[in-house]
């Protein structure tokens, strides 16, 4: 029996600050979100896992909801 996956609204996540001087854990979170350089952006579902990662490094990011 297949489990239905809940749909979450998408958000755009943009890296606004440099990774220089950040801890290895913070760098790993940025890589895990799929961001590379300053001003790089990705669109992800706003699932609890993604939003938890965002909350850990929210001072480095710009998060906006994507309207359909």
C-alpha atoms as a PDB file:
ATOM      1  CA  UNK A   1       0.000   0.000   0.000  1.00  0.00           C
ATOM      2  CA  UNK A   2       1.478   3.335  -1.078  1.00  0.00           C
ATOM      3  CA  UNK A   3       1.679   6.249   1.315  1.00  0.00           C
ATOM      4  CA  UNK A   4       0.386   9.555  -0.047  1.00  0.00           C
ATOM      5  CA  UNK A   5       2.932  12.331   0.174  1.00  0.00           C
ATOM      6  CA  UNK A   6       1.596  15.679   1.372  1.00  0.00           C
ATOM      7  CA  UNK A   7       2.123  18.631  -0.981  1.00  0.00           C
ATOM      8  CA  UNK A   8       3.682  21.756   0.484  1.00  0.00           C
ATOM      9  CA  UNK A   9       3.686  25.182  -1.167  1.00  0.00           C
ATOM     10  CA  UNK A  10       6.962  26.058  -2.918  1.00  0.00           C
ATOM     11  CA  UNK A  11       9.395  28.675  -1.612  1.00  0.00           C
ATOM     12  CA  UNK A  12      12.347  30.391  -3.288  1.00  0.00           C
ATOM     13  CA  UNK A  13      15.508  30.309  -1.175  1.00  0.00           C
ATOM     14  CA  UNK A  14      18.341  32.709  -2.040  1.00  0.00           C
ATOM     15  CA  UNK A  15      21.806  32.838  -0.444  1.00  0.00           C
ATOM     16  CA  UNK A  16      22.495  36.449   0.593  1.00  0.00           C
ATOM     17  CA  UNK A  17      25.681  36.180   2.699  1.00  0.00           C
ATOM     18  CA  UNK A  18      29.077  34.597   2.193  1.00  0.00           C
ATOM     19  CA  UNK A  19      30.123  31.207   3.553  1.00  0.00           C
ATOM     20  CA  UNK A  20      33.516  32.594   4.600  1.00  0.00           C
ATOM     21  CA  UNK A  21      33.990  32.184   8.342  1.00  0.00           C
ATOM     22  CA  UNK A  22      30.926  29.941   8.769  1.00  0.00           C
ATOM     23  CA  UNK A  23      30.981  26.647  10.633  1.00  0.00           C
ATOM     24  CA  UNK A  24      31.177  23.364   8.750  1.00  0.00           C
ATOM     25  CA  UNK A  25      27.620  22.541   9.834  1.00  0.00           C
ATOM     26  CA  UNK A  26      26.305  25.794   8.327  1.00  0.00           C
ATOM     27  CA  UNK A  27      28.194  25.120   5.090  1.00  0.00           C
ATOM     28  CA  UNK A  28      26.705  21.610   4.946  1.00  0.00           C
ATOM     29  CA  UNK A  29      23.186  23.014   5.335  1.00  0.00           C
ATOM     30  CA  UNK A  30      23.779  25.462   2.458  1.00  0.00           C
ATOM     31  CA  UNK A  31      25.043  22.622   0.254  1.00  0.00           C
ATOM     32  CA  UNK A  32      22.106  20.441   1.331  1.00  0.00           C
ATOM     33  CA  UNK A  33      19.681  23.124   0.180  1.00  0.00           C
ATOM     34  CA  UNK A  34      21.413  23.154  -3.215  1.00  0.00           C
ATOM     35  CA  UNK A  35      22.945  26.619  -2.950  1.00  0.00           C
ATOM     36  CA  UNK A  36      26.478  27.381  -4.115  1.00  0.00           C
ATOM     37  CA  UNK A  37      27.366  31.057  -4.487  1.00  0.00           C
ATOM     38  CA  UNK A  38      26.014  34.341  -3.167  1.00  0.00           C
ATOM     39  CA  UNK A  39      22.785  35.247  -4.995  1.00  0.00           C
ATOM     40  CA  UNK A  40      22.202  31.663  -6.117  1.00  0.00           C
ATOM     41  CA  UNK A  41      18.580  30.615  -5.677  1.00  0.00           C
ATOM     42  CA  UNK A  42      16.591  27.382  -5.618  1.00  0.00           C
ATOM     43  CA  UNK A  43      12.917  26.510  -5.356  1.00  0.00           C
ATOM     44  CA  UNK A  44      11.973  23.849  -2.817  1.00  0.00           C
ATOM     45  CA  UNK A  45       8.781  22.628  -1.172  1.00  0.00           C
ATOM     46  CA  UNK A  46       8.268  24.211   2.243  1.00  0.00           C
ATOM     47  CA  UNK A  47       8.302  20.845   3.985  1.00  0.00           C
ATOM     48  CA  UNK A  48       9.229  20.668   7.681  1.00  0.00           C
ATOM     49  CA  UNK A  49      12.662  19.264   6.779  1.00  0.00           C
ATOM     50  CA  UNK A  50      13.514  22.136   4.425  1.00  0.00           C
ATOM     51  CA  UNK A  51      12.096  24.804   6.744  1.00  0.00           C
ATOM     52  CA  UNK A  52      14.150  23.383   9.637  1.00  0.00           C
ATOM     53  CA  UNK A  53      17.305  23.766   7.550  1.00  0.00           C
ATOM     54  CA  UNK A  54      16.285  27.316   6.624  1.00  0.00           C
ATOM     55  CA  UNK A  55      15.658  28.206  10.264  1.00  0.00           C
ATOM     56  CA  UNK A  56      19.189  27.158  11.232  1.00  0.00           C
ATOM     57  CA  UNK A  57      20.773  29.644   8.806  1.00  0.00           C
ATOM     58  CA  UNK A  58      17.980  32.184   8.314  1.00  0.00           C
ATOM     59  CA  UNK A  59      20.372  35.113   8.824  1.00  0.00           C
ATOM     60  CA  UNK A  60      22.174  34.104   5.596  1.00  0.00           C
ATOM     61  CA  UNK A  61      19.093  33.552   3.426  1.00  0.00           C
ATOM     62  CA  UNK A  62      16.215  35.354   1.775  1.00  0.00           C
ATOM     63  CA  UNK A  63      13.069  33.221   1.620  1.00  0.00           C
ATOM     64  CA  UNK A  64      10.003  34.138  -0.443  1.00  0.00           C
ATOM     65  CA  UNK A  65       6.850  32.224  -1.255  1.00  0.00           C
ATOM     66  CA  UNK A  66       6.398  31.395  -4.912  1.00  0.00           C
ATOM     67  CA  UNK A  67       2.966  32.321  -6.246  1.00  0.00           C
ATOM     68  CA  UNK A  68       1.382  30.105  -8.859  1.00  0.00           C
END
